[in-house]
N, C-alpha and C. Protein backbone atom coordinates (compact mmCIF):
# COMPACT_ATOMS: atom_id res chain seq x y z
N MET A 1 78.23 101.71 12.75
CA MET A 1 77.58 102.85 13.34
C MET A 1 78.60 103.77 14.02
N SER A 2 79.68 103.20 14.52
CA SER A 2 80.67 104.03 15.20
C SER A 2 81.32 105.04 14.26
N GLU A 3 81.39 104.70 12.97
CA GLU A 3 81.94 105.65 12.01
C GLU A 3 81.03 106.88 11.89
N LEU A 4 79.73 106.64 11.85
CA LEU A 4 78.78 107.75 11.79
C LEU A 4 78.79 108.55 13.09
N ASP A 5 78.91 107.85 14.22
CA ASP A 5 79.01 108.54 15.51
C ASP A 5 80.21 109.48 15.52
N GLY A 6 81.33 109.00 15.01
CA GLY A 6 82.53 109.83 14.96
C GLY A 6 82.35 111.05 14.08
N LYS A 7 81.68 110.87 12.94
CA LYS A 7 81.43 112.00 12.04
C LYS A 7 80.48 113.02 12.70
N ILE A 8 79.49 112.51 13.41
CA ILE A 8 78.57 113.41 14.12
C ILE A 8 79.32 114.16 15.22
N ASP A 9 80.18 113.48 15.94
CA ASP A 9 80.98 114.15 16.98
C ASP A 9 81.86 115.24 16.39
N GLU A 10 82.45 114.97 15.23
CA GLU A 10 83.26 116.00 14.56
C GLU A 10 82.40 117.19 14.15
N SER A 11 81.20 116.92 13.72
CA SER A 11 80.28 118.00 13.33
C SER A 11 79.89 118.83 14.54
N ILE A 12 79.63 118.18 15.65
CA ILE A 12 79.29 118.90 16.87
C ILE A 12 80.44 119.81 17.28
N ALA A 13 81.65 119.28 17.22
CA ALA A 13 82.84 120.10 17.55
C ALA A 13 82.95 121.29 16.61
N GLU A 14 82.68 121.08 15.34
CA GLU A 14 82.75 122.16 14.36
C GLU A 14 81.70 123.23 14.68
N LEU A 15 80.50 122.81 15.02
CA LEU A 15 79.42 123.76 15.30
C LEU A 15 79.66 124.54 16.58
N LYS A 16 80.30 123.92 17.55
CA LYS A 16 80.50 124.58 18.85
C LYS A 16 81.26 125.90 18.73
N GLN A 17 82.09 126.03 17.73
CA GLN A 17 82.84 127.27 17.57
C GLN A 17 81.95 128.45 17.17
N TYR A 18 80.69 128.16 16.78
CA TYR A 18 79.77 129.21 16.33
C TYR A 18 78.63 129.46 17.31
N VAL A 19 78.66 128.85 18.47
CA VAL A 19 77.57 128.97 19.45
C VAL A 19 77.31 130.44 19.82
N ALA A 20 78.34 131.22 19.95
CA ALA A 20 78.17 132.63 20.34
C ALA A 20 77.49 133.47 19.26
N PHE A 21 77.46 132.99 18.06
CA PHE A 21 76.91 133.77 16.95
C PHE A 21 75.41 133.58 16.74
N SER A 22 74.88 132.45 17.17
CA SER A 22 73.46 132.19 16.92
C SER A 22 72.93 131.15 17.90
N PRO A 23 71.75 131.42 18.47
CA PRO A 23 71.14 130.41 19.34
C PRO A 23 70.71 129.16 18.57
N ASP A 24 70.56 129.29 17.27
CA ASP A 24 70.19 128.13 16.45
C ASP A 24 71.27 127.06 16.45
N ILE A 25 72.49 127.44 16.72
CA ILE A 25 73.59 126.47 16.76
C ILE A 25 73.36 125.46 17.87
N ASN A 26 72.90 125.93 19.03
CA ASN A 26 72.62 124.99 20.13
C ASN A 26 71.55 123.99 19.71
N ASN A 27 70.54 124.45 18.99
CA ASN A 27 69.50 123.54 18.50
C ASN A 27 70.07 122.53 17.52
N ALA A 28 70.99 122.98 16.68
CA ALA A 28 71.62 122.08 15.72
C ALA A 28 72.45 121.02 16.44
N ILE A 29 73.17 121.44 17.47
CA ILE A 29 73.97 120.49 18.26
C ILE A 29 73.07 119.46 18.93
N LYS A 30 71.99 119.93 19.53
CA LYS A 30 71.03 119.01 20.17
C LYS A 30 70.44 118.05 19.14
N GLY A 31 70.16 118.58 17.95
CA GLY A 31 69.64 117.74 16.88
C GLY A 31 70.60 116.65 16.46
N LEU A 32 71.87 116.99 16.39
CA LEU A 32 72.88 115.99 16.03
C LEU A 32 73.03 114.94 17.13
N GLU A 33 72.95 115.37 18.39
CA GLU A 33 73.02 114.40 19.50
C GLU A 33 71.82 113.46 19.46
N GLN A 34 70.66 114.02 19.14
CA GLN A 34 69.46 113.19 19.02
C GLN A 34 69.58 112.25 17.83
N LEU A 35 70.16 112.72 16.75
CA LEU A 35 70.34 111.88 15.57
C LEU A 35 71.19 110.65 15.90
N LYS A 36 72.22 110.83 16.70
CA LYS A 36 73.04 109.68 17.10
C LYS A 36 72.18 108.61 17.75
N GLN A 37 71.28 109.04 18.64
CA GLN A 37 70.40 108.08 19.31
C GLN A 37 69.43 107.42 18.32
N GLU A 38 68.90 108.23 17.42
CA GLU A 38 67.96 107.69 16.43
C GLU A 38 68.64 106.67 15.52
N LEU A 39 69.88 106.91 15.15
CA LEU A 39 70.60 105.97 14.30
C LEU A 39 70.86 104.66 15.03
N ARG A 40 71.05 104.74 16.33
CA ARG A 40 71.27 103.51 17.12
C ARG A 40 69.99 102.69 17.25
N ASN A 41 68.84 103.38 17.18
CA ASN A 41 67.55 102.72 17.37
C ASN A 41 66.72 102.74 16.09
N LEU A 42 67.38 102.65 14.98
CA LEU A 42 66.72 102.74 13.68
C LEU A 42 65.88 101.49 13.42
N THR A 43 64.64 101.74 13.01
CA THR A 43 63.74 100.64 12.66
C THR A 43 63.07 100.94 11.33
N LYS A 44 62.41 99.94 10.82
CA LYS A 44 61.64 100.10 9.59
C LYS A 44 60.54 101.15 9.78
N GLU A 45 60.02 101.23 11.00
CA GLU A 45 58.93 102.15 11.30
C GLU A 45 59.38 103.60 11.41
N ASN A 46 60.62 103.86 11.84
CA ASN A 46 61.04 105.25 12.06
C ASN A 46 62.04 105.78 11.04
N ILE A 47 62.46 104.94 10.12
CA ILE A 47 63.51 105.38 9.19
C ILE A 47 63.06 106.55 8.31
N ASP A 48 61.79 106.54 7.90
CA ASP A 48 61.32 107.66 7.07
C ASP A 48 61.38 108.99 7.81
N GLU A 49 61.00 108.98 9.07
CA GLU A 49 61.03 110.20 9.87
C GLU A 49 62.47 110.67 10.11
N VAL A 50 63.37 109.75 10.38
CA VAL A 50 64.77 110.10 10.58
C VAL A 50 65.35 110.66 9.28
N LEU A 51 65.07 110.01 8.18
CA LEU A 51 65.55 110.47 6.88
C LEU A 51 65.00 111.85 6.55
N LYS A 52 63.76 112.09 6.85
CA LYS A 52 63.15 113.40 6.62
C LYS A 52 63.88 114.49 7.41
N GLY A 53 64.17 114.21 8.68
CA GLY A 53 64.88 115.17 9.52
C GLY A 53 66.28 115.46 9.01
N VAL A 54 66.98 114.42 8.60
CA VAL A 54 68.34 114.59 8.07
C VAL A 54 68.29 115.38 6.77
N ASP A 55 67.32 115.08 5.93
CA ASP A 55 67.19 115.79 4.66
C ASP A 55 66.93 117.28 4.90
N GLU A 56 66.07 117.59 5.85
CA GLU A 56 65.79 118.99 6.18
C GLU A 56 67.05 119.69 6.70
N ALA A 57 67.78 119.02 7.59
CA ALA A 57 69.01 119.60 8.12
C ALA A 57 70.04 119.80 7.02
N TYR A 58 70.14 118.84 6.13
CA TYR A 58 71.08 118.93 5.02
C TYR A 58 70.74 120.13 4.14
N ARG A 59 69.48 120.26 3.77
CA ARG A 59 69.07 121.36 2.90
C ARG A 59 69.27 122.72 3.58
N SER A 60 68.97 122.79 4.88
CA SER A 60 69.11 124.08 5.56
C SER A 60 70.57 124.43 5.82
N SER A 61 71.45 123.44 5.82
CA SER A 61 72.87 123.72 6.05
C SER A 61 73.60 124.12 4.77
N PHE A 62 72.95 123.96 3.64
CA PHE A 62 73.60 124.22 2.35
C PHE A 62 74.18 125.63 2.27
N GLU A 63 73.42 126.64 2.69
CA GLU A 63 73.92 128.01 2.57
C GLU A 63 75.09 128.31 3.50
N PHE A 64 75.30 127.46 4.50
CA PHE A 64 76.41 127.65 5.44
C PHE A 64 77.54 126.66 5.20
N SER A 65 77.48 125.93 4.12
CA SER A 65 78.42 124.84 3.89
C SER A 65 79.88 125.29 3.86
N SER A 66 80.14 126.53 3.48
CA SER A 66 81.53 126.99 3.48
C SER A 66 82.04 127.24 4.90
N TYR A 67 81.13 127.47 5.84
CA TYR A 67 81.52 127.68 7.24
C TYR A 67 81.58 126.37 8.01
N ILE A 68 80.71 125.45 7.64
CA ILE A 68 80.63 124.18 8.36
C ILE A 68 80.75 123.00 7.37
N PRO A 69 81.89 122.90 6.71
CA PRO A 69 82.03 121.86 5.67
C PRO A 69 81.93 120.43 6.21
N LYS A 70 82.47 120.18 7.41
CA LYS A 70 82.38 118.83 7.97
C LYS A 70 80.93 118.46 8.25
N THR A 71 80.20 119.39 8.83
CA THR A 71 78.80 119.13 9.16
C THR A 71 77.99 118.90 7.90
N PHE A 72 78.21 119.73 6.90
CA PHE A 72 77.49 119.59 5.64
C PHE A 72 77.78 118.23 5.01
N THR A 73 79.04 117.84 4.97
CA THR A 73 79.43 116.55 4.40
C THR A 73 78.88 115.39 5.22
N THR A 74 78.90 115.53 6.53
CA THR A 74 78.36 114.48 7.39
C THR A 74 76.87 114.28 7.15
N LEU A 75 76.13 115.36 7.05
CA LEU A 75 74.69 115.24 6.80
C LEU A 75 74.42 114.58 5.45
N LYS A 76 75.22 114.92 4.46
CA LYS A 76 75.08 114.28 3.15
C LYS A 76 75.38 112.79 3.24
N THR A 77 76.43 112.44 3.95
CA THR A 77 76.81 111.04 4.12
C THR A 77 75.72 110.26 4.84
N ILE A 78 75.18 110.83 5.91
CA ILE A 78 74.14 110.15 6.67
C ILE A 78 72.87 110.01 5.83
N LYS A 79 72.54 111.04 5.09
CA LYS A 79 71.37 110.99 4.21
C LYS A 79 71.51 109.83 3.21
N GLU A 80 72.65 109.74 2.58
CA GLU A 80 72.89 108.66 1.61
C GLU A 80 72.87 107.29 2.30
N TRP A 81 73.46 107.21 3.50
CA TRP A 81 73.49 105.96 4.24
C TRP A 81 72.07 105.52 4.58
N LEU A 82 71.25 106.48 5.04
CA LEU A 82 69.86 106.16 5.38
C LEU A 82 69.07 105.70 4.15
N GLU A 83 69.29 106.35 3.03
CA GLU A 83 68.59 105.95 1.79
C GLU A 83 68.97 104.53 1.41
N ASN A 84 70.24 104.18 1.52
CA ASN A 84 70.68 102.82 1.22
C ASN A 84 70.13 101.82 2.24
N LYS A 85 70.14 102.21 3.49
CA LYS A 85 69.62 101.35 4.56
C LYS A 85 68.13 101.09 4.34
N LYS A 86 67.40 102.13 4.01
CA LYS A 86 65.96 101.98 3.77
C LYS A 86 65.70 101.02 2.62
N ALA A 87 66.48 101.13 1.58
CA ALA A 87 66.31 100.25 0.42
C ALA A 87 66.58 98.78 0.77
N SER A 88 67.43 98.55 1.77
CA SER A 88 67.77 97.17 2.12
C SER A 88 66.91 96.61 3.25
N MET A 89 66.00 97.41 3.77
CA MET A 89 65.14 96.92 4.87
C MET A 89 63.95 96.15 4.34
């Protein structure tokens, strides 16, 4: 889990450089911080909801992927990790 935490922290750092451009960036940062907590408390009961949120974030970040490549890649990695985790639960 610490590897994913590190990737999320890198994504937060990447997003912080764009805070002045859009208030949505603060929401994205808060979402990533919340995601870290959700990944730590992942259960069979909440994995679908967490996966849904990550999938939505991943899809909405696609058009900005050239500006936030680390964040885009991190969301893709977490999405794949959650799909594999769900299959093994």
